[in-house]
PDB file of N, CA and C in Angstrom:
ATOM      1  N   MET A   1       0.826  -1.168   0.000  1.00  0.00           N
ATOM      2  CA  MET A   1       0.000   0.000   0.000  1.00  0.00           C
ATOM      3  C   MET A   1       0.882   1.246   0.000  1.00  0.00           C
ATOM      4  N   ILE A   2       0.493   2.234  -0.755  1.00  0.00           N
ATOM      5  CA  ILE A   2       1.221   3.508  -0.792  1.00  0.00           C
ATOM      6  C   ILE A   2       0.611   4.426   0.263  1.00  0.00           C
ATOM      7  N   GLN A   3       1.449   4.905   1.171  1.00  0.00           N
ATOM      8  CA  GLN A   3       0.989   5.792   2.240  1.00  0.00           C
ATOM      9  C   GLN A   3       0.993   7.236   1.742  1.00  0.00           C
ATOM     10  N   ILE A   4      -0.154   7.885   1.832  1.00  0.00           N
ATOM     11  CA  ILE A   4      -0.323   9.284   1.435  1.00  0.00           C
ATOM     12  C   ILE A   4      -0.901  10.035   2.626  1.00  0.00           C
ATOM     13  N   ILE A   5      -0.376  11.229   2.891  1.00  0.00           N
ATOM     14  CA  ILE A   5      -0.978  12.070   3.927  1.00  0.00           C
ATOM     15  C   ILE A   5      -1.479  13.352   3.279  1.00  0.00           C
ATOM     16  N   SER A   6      -2.543  13.880   3.825  1.00  0.00           N
ATOM     17  CA  SER A   6      -3.139  15.124   3.350  1.00  0.00           C
ATOM     18  C   SER A   6      -2.822  16.207   4.364  1.00  0.00           C
ATOM     19  N   CYS A   7      -2.246  17.316   3.899  1.00  0.00           N
ATOM     20  CA  CYS A   7      -1.840  18.406   4.786  1.00  0.00           C
ATOM     21  C   CYS A   7      -2.500  19.707   4.352  1.00  0.00           C
ATOM     22  N   PRO A   8      -2.973  20.517   5.300  1.00  0.00           N
ATOM     23  CA  PRO A   8      -3.582  21.799   4.950  1.00  0.00           C
ATOM     24  C   PRO A   8      -2.521  22.805   4.506  1.00  0.00           C
ATOM     25  N   LEU A   9      -2.889  23.638   3.539  1.00  0.00           N
ATOM     26  CA  LEU A   9      -2.007  24.701   3.068  1.00  0.00           C
ATOM     27  C   LEU A   9      -2.414  26.018   3.719  1.00  0.00           C
ATOM     28  N   PRO A  10      -1.477  26.930   3.956  1.00  0.00           N
ATOM     29  CA  PRO A  10      -1.788  28.183   4.653  1.00  0.00           C
ATOM     30  C   PRO A  10      -2.857  29.034   3.969  1.00  0.00           C
ATOM     31  N   GLY A  11      -2.893  29.056   2.649  1.00  0.00           N
ATOM     32  CA  GLY A  11      -3.861  29.887   1.931  1.00  0.00           C
ATOM     33  C   GLY A  11      -5.155  29.166   1.624  1.00  0.00           C
ATOM     34  N   GLY A  12      -5.313  27.966   2.155  1.00  0.00           N
ATOM     35  CA  GLY A  12      -6.481  27.138   1.851  1.00  0.00           C
ATOM     36  C   GLY A  12      -6.074  26.006   0.932  1.00  0.00           C
ATOM     37  N   GLY A  13      -6.885  25.015   0.854  1.00  0.00           N
ATOM     38  CA  GLY A  13      -6.577  23.848   0.044  1.00  0.00           C
ATOM     39  C   GLY A  13      -5.721  22.865   0.821  1.00  0.00           C
ATOM     40  N   ARG A  14      -5.329  21.797   0.137  1.00  0.00           N
ATOM     41  CA  ARG A  14      -4.553  20.737   0.784  1.00  0.00           C
ATOM     42  C   ARG A  14      -3.485  20.230  -0.172  1.00  0.00           C
ATOM     43  N   ALA A  15      -2.435  19.662   0.394  1.00  0.00           N
ATOM     44  CA  ALA A  15      -1.378  19.000  -0.372  1.00  0.00           C
ATOM     45  C   ALA A  15      -1.402  17.527  -0.007  1.00  0.00           C
ATOM     46  N   LEU A  16      -1.264  16.668  -0.998  1.00  0.00           N
ATOM     47  CA  LEU A  16      -1.149  15.231  -0.755  1.00  0.00           C
ATOM     48  C   LEU A  16       0.306  14.857  -0.899  1.00  0.00           C
ATOM     49  N   LEU A  17       0.856  14.201   0.123  1.00  0.00           N
ATOM     50  CA  LEU A  17       2.271  13.868   0.144  1.00  0.00           C
ATOM     51  C   LEU A  17       2.458  12.364   0.320  1.00  0.00           C
ATOM     52  N   LYS A  18       3.288  11.773  -0.524  1.00  0.00           N
ATOM     53  CA  LYS A  18       3.646  10.364  -0.378  1.00  0.00           C
ATOM     54  C   LYS A  18       4.680  10.285   0.741  1.00  0.00           C
ATOM     55  N   THR A  19       4.345   9.582   1.806  1.00  0.00           N
ATOM     56  CA  THR A  19       5.184   9.602   3.004  1.00  0.00           C
ATOM     57  C   THR A  19       6.615   9.139   2.763  1.00  0.00           C
ATOM     58  N   SER A  20       6.804   8.181   1.879  1.00  0.00           N
ATOM     59  CA  SER A  20       8.160   7.674   1.645  1.00  0.00           C
ATOM     60  C   SER A  20       9.026   8.658   0.866  1.00  0.00           C
ATOM     61  N   ASP A  21       8.422   9.682   0.250  1.00  0.00           N
ATOM     62  CA  ASP A  21       9.180  10.677  -0.507  1.00  0.00           C
ATOM     63  C   ASP A  21       9.524  11.913   0.307  1.00  0.00           C
ATOM     64  N   ILE A  22       9.028  11.984   1.531  1.00  0.00           N
ATOM     65  CA  ILE A  22       9.308  13.144   2.378  1.00  0.00           C
ATOM     66  C   ILE A  22      10.725  13.010   2.924  1.00  0.00           C
ATOM     67  N   GLY A  23      11.516  14.055   2.715  1.00  0.00           N
ATOM     68  CA  GLY A  23      12.898  14.034   3.187  1.00  0.00           C
ATOM     69  C   GLY A  23      13.057  14.641   4.561  1.00  0.00           C
ATOM     70  N   GLY A  24      12.158  15.539   4.950  1.00  0.00           N
ATOM     71  CA  GLY A  24      12.240  16.188   6.247  1.00  0.00           C
ATOM     72  C   GLY A  24      11.355  17.410   6.290  1.00  0.00           C
ATOM     73  N   ALA A  25      11.376  18.098   7.431  1.00  0.00           N
ATOM     74  CA  ALA A  25      10.566  19.305   7.614  1.00  0.00           C
ATOM     75  C   ALA A  25      11.306  20.252   8.555  1.00  0.00           C
ATOM     76  N   THR A  26      11.087  21.539   8.348  1.00  0.00           N
ATOM     77  CA  THR A  26      11.673  22.557   9.210  1.00  0.00           C
ATOM     78  C   THR A  26      10.588  23.544   9.623  1.00  0.00           C
ATOM     79  N   THR A  27      10.813  24.211  10.741  1.00  0.00           N
ATOM     80  CA  THR A  27       9.884  25.248  11.168  1.00  0.00           C
ATOM     81  C   THR A  27       9.932  26.385  10.155  1.00  0.00           C
ATOM     82  N   ALA A  28       8.767  26.890   9.785  1.00  0.00           N
ATOM     83  CA  ALA A  28       8.692  28.008   8.840  1.00  0.00           C
ATOM     84  C   ALA A  28       8.832  29.325   9.602  1.00  0.00           C
ATOM     85  N   LYS A  29       8.734  30.443   8.881  1.00  0.00           N
ATOM     86  CA  LYS A  29       8.808  31.757   9.531  1.00  0.00           C
ATOM     87  C   LYS A  29       7.710  31.900  10.573  1.00  0.00           C
ATOM     88  N   ASN A  30       6.541  31.369  10.266  1.00  0.00           N
ATOM     89  CA  ASN A  30       5.433  31.323  11.217  1.00  0.00           C
ATOM     90  C   ASN A  30       5.561  29.994  11.969  1.00  0.00           C
ATOM     91  N   PRO A  31       5.725  29.996  13.294  1.00  0.00           N
ATOM     92  CA  PRO A  31       5.940  28.744  14.025  1.00  0.00           C
ATOM     93  C   PRO A  31       4.738  27.793  13.995  1.00  0.00           C
ATOM     94  N   GLN A  32       3.591  28.266  13.546  1.00  0.00           N
ATOM     95  CA  GLN A  32       2.419  27.406  13.414  1.00  0.00           C
ATOM     96  C   GLN A  32       2.401  26.681  12.070  1.00  0.00           C
ATOM     97  N   GLU A  33       3.431  26.913  11.258  1.00  0.00           N
ATOM     98  CA  GLU A  33       3.561  26.281   9.942  1.00  0.00           C
ATOM     99  C   GLU A  33       4.921  25.608   9.852  1.00  0.00           C
ATOM    100  N   CYS A  34       5.075  24.716   8.884  1.00  0.00           N
ATOM    101  CA  CYS A  34       6.390  24.131   8.639  1.00  0.00           C
ATOM    102  C   CYS A  34       6.603  23.949   7.139  1.00  0.00           C
ATOM    103  N   ASP A  35       7.853  23.874   6.760  1.00  0.00           N
ATOM    104  CA  ASP A  35       8.234  23.629   5.369  1.00  0.00           C
ATOM    105  C   ASP A  35       8.610  22.162   5.254  1.00  0.00           C
ATOM    106  N   VAL A  36       7.959  21.472   4.319  1.00  0.00           N
ATOM    107  CA  VAL A  36       8.180  20.046   4.115  1.00  0.00           C
ATOM    108  C   VAL A  36       8.921  19.865   2.795  1.00  0.00           C
ATOM    109  N   TYR A  37       9.962  19.051   2.808  1.00  0.00           N
ATOM    110  CA  TYR A  37      10.779  18.806   1.629  1.00  0.00           C
ATOM    111  C   TYR A  37      10.449  17.419   1.076  1.00  0.00           C
ATOM    112  N   VAL A  38      10.020  17.415  -0.202  1.00  0.00           N
ATOM    113  CA  VAL A  38       9.544  16.183  -0.830  1.00  0.00           C
ATOM    114  C   VAL A  38      10.393  15.894  -2.062  1.00  0.00           C
ATOM    115  N   LEU A  39      10.914  14.678  -2.143  1.00  0.00           N
ATOM    116  CA  LEU A  39      11.721  14.277  -3.292  1.00  0.00           C
ATOM    117  C   LEU A  39      10.905  14.392  -4.574  1.00  0.00           C
ATOM    118  N   GLY A  40      11.498  14.974  -5.587  1.00  0.00           N
ATOM    119  CA  GLY A  40      10.852  15.027  -6.892  1.00  0.00           C
ATOM    120  C   GLY A  40      10.153  16.327  -7.211  1.00  0.00           C
ATOM    121  N   TRP A  41       9.203  16.754  -6.404  1.00  0.00           N
ATOM    122  CA  TRP A  41       8.418  17.928  -6.801  1.00  0.00           C
ATOM    123  C   TRP A  41       8.440  19.087  -5.815  1.00  0.00           C
ATOM    124  N   ALA A  42       8.870  18.922  -4.604  1.00  0.00           N
ATOM    125  CA  ALA A  42       8.940  20.030  -3.650  1.00  0.00           C
ATOM    126  C   ALA A  42      10.295  20.012  -2.950  1.00  0.00           C
ATOM    127  N   GLN A  43      11.353  19.916  -3.749  1.00  0.00           N
ATOM    128  CA  GLN A  43      12.696  19.842  -3.182  1.00  0.00           C
ATOM    129  C   GLN A  43      13.099  21.135  -2.490  1.00  0.00           C
ATOM    130  N   GLU A  44      12.471  22.249  -2.865  1.00  0.00           N
ATOM    131  CA  GLU A  44      12.752  23.532  -2.229  1.00  0.00           C
ATOM    132  C   GLU A  44      11.860  23.753  -1.009  1.00  0.00           C
ATOM    133  N   GLY A  45      10.938  22.836  -0.783  1.00  0.00           N
ATOM    134  CA  GLY A  45      10.050  22.910   0.368  1.00  0.00           C
ATOM    135  C   GLY A  45       8.680  23.447   0.008  1.00  0.00           C
ATOM    136  N   ILE A  46       7.682  22.937   0.681  1.00  0.00           N
ATOM    137  CA  ILE A  46       6.312  23.409   0.541  1.00  0.00           C
ATOM    138  C   ILE A  46       5.827  23.746   1.946  1.00  0.00           C
ATOM    139  N   THR A  47       5.259  24.935   2.109  1.00  0.00           N
ATOM    140  CA  THR A  47       4.790  25.359   3.429  1.00  0.00           C
ATOM    141  C   THR A  47       3.403  24.783   3.678  1.00  0.00           C
ATOM    142  N   ILE A  48       3.256  24.111   4.812  1.00  0.00           N
ATOM    143  CA  ILE A  48       1.953  23.579   5.186  1.00  0.00           C
ATOM    144  C   ILE A  48       1.501  24.208   6.491  1.00  0.00           C
ATOM    145  N   ASP A  49       0.210  24.166   6.730  1.00  0.00           N
ATOM    146  CA  ASP A  49      -0.391  24.832   7.879  1.00  0.00           C
ATOM    147  C   ASP A  49      -0.469  23.908   9.095  1.00  0.00           C
ATOM    148  N   LEU A  50       0.679  23.352   9.468  1.00  0.00           N
ATOM    149  CA  LEU A  50       0.832  22.546  10.674  1.00  0.00           C
ATOM    150  C   LEU A  50       2.175  22.908  11.280  1.00  0.00           C
ATOM    151  N   SER A  51       2.261  22.921  12.610  1.00  0.00           N
ATOM    152  CA  SER A  51       3.572  23.129  13.225  1.00  0.00           C
ATOM    153  C   SER A  51       4.439  21.915  12.911  1.00  0.00           C
ATOM    154  N   VAL A  52       5.734  22.043  13.080  1.00  0.00           N
ATOM    155  CA  VAL A  52       6.627  20.919  12.791  1.00  0.00           C
ATOM    156  C   VAL A  52       6.316  19.737  13.715  1.00  0.00           C
ATOM    157  N   GLU A  53       5.903  20.018  14.944  1.00  0.00           N
ATOM    158  CA  GLU A  53       5.541  18.938  15.872  1.00  0.00           C
ATOM    159  C   GLU A  53       4.282  18.202  15.406  1.00  0.00           C
ATOM    160  N   GLU A  54       3.277  18.966  14.960  1.00  0.00           N
ATOM    161  CA  GLU A  54       2.041  18.340  14.461  1.00  0.00           C
ATOM    162  C   GLU A  54       2.331  17.518  13.210  1.00  0.00           C
ATOM    163  N   PHE A  55       3.148  18.082  12.312  1.00  0.00           N
ATOM    164  CA  PHE A  55       3.486  17.358  11.088  1.00  0.00           C
ATOM    165  C   PHE A  55       4.250  16.073  11.409  1.00  0.00           C
ATOM    166  N   ALA A  56       5.176  16.139  12.356  1.00  0.00           N
ATOM    167  CA  ALA A  56       5.960  14.951  12.720  1.00  0.00           C
ATOM    168  C   ALA A  56       5.049  13.826  13.186  1.00  0.00           C
ATOM    169  N   GLU A  57       4.056  14.150  13.981  1.00  0.00           N
ATOM    170  CA  GLU A  57       3.134  13.118  14.459  1.00  0.00           C
ATOM    171  C   GLU A  57       2.340  12.497  13.314  1.00  0.00           C
ATOM    172  N   VAL A  58       1.859  13.328  12.384  1.00  0.00           N
ATOM    173  CA  VAL A  58       1.108  12.822  11.231  1.00  0.00           C
ATOM    174  C   VAL A  58       2.001  11.940  10.367  1.00  0.00           C
ATOM    175  N   TRP A  59       3.226  12.414  10.094  1.00  0.00           N
ATOM    176  CA  TRP A  59       4.152  11.694   9.223  1.00  0.00           C
ATOM    177  C   TRP A  59       4.549  10.345   9.828  1.00  0.00           C
ATOM    178  N   VAL A  60       4.963  10.351  11.086  1.00  0.00           N
ATOM    179  CA  VAL A  60       5.382   9.105  11.731  1.00  0.00           C
ATOM    180  C   VAL A  60       4.210   8.133  11.842  1.00  0.00           C
ATOM    181  N   SER A  61       3.037   8.644  12.173  1.00  0.00           N
ATOM    182  CA  SER A  61       1.852   7.773  12.256  1.00  0.00           C
ATOM    183  C   SER A  61       1.591   7.087  10.925  1.00  0.00           C
ATOM    184  N   ALA A  62       1.716   7.842   9.827  1.00  0.00           N
ATOM    185  CA  ALA A  62       1.492   7.257   8.506  1.00  0.00           C
ATOM    186  C   ALA A  62       2.577   6.244   8.159  1.00  0.00           C
ATOM    187  N   LEU A  63       3.817   6.522   8.498  1.00  0.00           N
ATOM    188  CA  LEU A  63       4.904   5.590   8.205  1.00  0.00           C
ATOM    189  C   LEU A  63       4.772   4.289   8.981  1.00  0.00           C
ATOM    190  N   LEU A  64       4.272   4.368  10.210  1.00  0.00           N
ATOM    191  CA  LEU A  64       4.195   3.196  11.069  1.00  0.00           C
ATOM    192  C   LEU A  64       2.857   2.482  11.010  1.00  0.00           C
ATOM    193  N   ASP A  65       1.879   3.072  10.330  1.00  0.00           N
ATOM    194  CA  ASP A  65       0.523   2.517  10.332  1.00  0.00           C
ATOM    195  C   ASP A  65       0.465   1.164   9.650  1.00  0.00           C
ATOM    196  N   GLU A  66       0.062   0.182  10.408  1.00  0.00           N
ATOM    197  CA  GLU A  66      -0.127  -1.163   9.877  1.00  0.00           C
ATOM    198  C   GLU A  66      -1.502  -1.666  10.273  1.00  0.00           C
ATOM    199  N   GLY A  67      -2.468  -0.742  10.411  1.00  0.00           N
ATOM    200  CA  GLY A  67      -3.812  -1.120  10.778  1.00  0.00           C
ATOM    201  C   GLY A  67      -4.047  -1.160  12.282  1.00  0.00           C
ATOM    202  N   GLU A  68      -2.995  -1.003  13.057  1.00  0.00           N
ATOM    203  CA  GLU A  68      -3.103  -0.985  14.506  1.00  0.00           C
ATOM    204  C   GLU A  68      -2.606   0.357  15.007  1.00  0.00           C
ATOM    205  N   THR A  69      -2.889   0.657  16.257  1.00  0.00           N
ATOM    206  CA  THR A  69      -2.380   1.886  16.842  1.00  0.00           C
ATOM    207  C   THR A  69      -0.893   1.716  17.113  1.00  0.00           C
ATOM    208  N   PRO A  70      -0.055   2.494  16.412  1.00  0.00           N
ATOM    209  CA  PRO A  70       1.387   2.335  16.624  1.00  0.00           C
ATOM    210  C   PRO A  70       1.804   2.907  17.968  1.00  0.00           C
ATOM    211  N   GLU A  71       2.816   2.299  18.567  1.00  0.00           N
ATOM    212  CA  GLU A  71       3.361   2.814  19.808  1.00  0.00           C
ATOM    213  C   GLU A  71       4.738   3.387  19.509  1.00  0.00           C
ATOM    214  N   TYR A  72       4.875   4.676  19.712  1.00  0.00           N
ATOM    215  CA  TYR A  72       6.127   5.357  19.446  1.00  0.00           C
ATOM    216  C   TYR A  72       6.169   6.634  20.264  1.00  0.00           C
ATOM    217  N   GLU A  73       7.329   7.219  20.348  1.00  0.00           N
ATOM    218  CA  GLU A  73       7.491   8.495  21.023  1.00  0.00           C
ATOM    219  C   GLU A  73       8.392   9.360  20.159  1.00  0.00           C
ATOM    220  N   ILE A  74       7.945  10.580  19.901  1.00  0.00           N
ATOM    221  CA  ILE A  74       8.759  11.522  19.141  1.00  0.00           C
ATOM    222  C   ILE A  74       9.454  12.425  20.153  1.00  0.00           C
ATOM    223  N   VAL A  75      10.757  12.507  20.067  1.00  0.00           N
ATOM    224  CA  VAL A  75      11.529  13.330  20.990  1.00  0.00           C
ATOM    225  C   VAL A  75      12.129  14.483  20.200  1.00  0.00           C
ATOM    226  N   PHE A  76      11.817  15.700  20.630  1.00  0.00           N
ATOM    227  CA  PHE A  76      12.374  16.873  19.990  1.00  0.00           C
ATOM    228  C   PHE A  76      13.538  17.364  20.824  1.00  0.00           C
ATOM    229  N   THR A  77      14.647  17.643  20.151  1.00  0.00           N
ATOM    230  CA  THR A  77      15.836  18.088  20.862  1.00  0.00           C
ATOM    231  C   THR A  77      15.723  19.573  21.203  1.00  0.00           C
ATOM    232  N   SER A  78      16.511  20.006  22.126  1.00  0.00           N
ATOM    233  CA  SER A  78      16.544  21.398  22.542  1.00  0.00           C
ATOM    234  C   SER A  78      16.961  22.290  21.379  1.00  0.00           C
ATOM    235  N   ASP A  79      16.432  23.500  21.352  1.00  0.00           N
ATOM    236  CA  ASP A  79      16.824  24.463  20.315  1.00  0.00           C
ATOM    237  C   ASP A  79      18.297  24.845  20.443  1.00  0.00           C
ATOM    238  N   ASP A  80      18.899  24.555  21.590  1.00  0.00           N
ATOM    239  CA  ASP A  80      20.306  24.874  21.801  1.00  0.00           C
ATOM    240  C   ASP A  80      21.238  23.935  21.047  1.00  0.00           C
ATOM    241  N   LEU A  81      20.742  22.765  20.643  1.00  0.00           N
ATOM    242  CA  LEU A  81      21.579  21.810  19.909  1.00  0.00           C
ATOM    243  C   LEU A  81      21.638  22.205  18.444  1.00  0.00           C
ATOM    244  N   HIS A  82      22.773  22.008  17.835  1.00  0.00           N
ATOM    245  CA  HIS A  82      22.930  22.339  16.412  1.00  0.00           C
ATOM    246  C   HIS A  82      23.424  21.149  15.656  1.00  0.00           C
TER     247      HIS A  82
END
């Protein structure tokens, strides 16, 4: 099965992202949004209307979804780490 997630866009509408093609995400200028980098068509990043923490939960849930509730913990490092 191909895992696809639907993400809201800041100006309205939605983006459909193939989870295996997502390379990563960074906090956008607005901390309530994040920039998602997708292999092939959004290599420069696409801004979505989710914080990076919210997006991480959606992305990991989709990657781990096997029809059961996945058990995982997302740990965010301190902003002081580089």
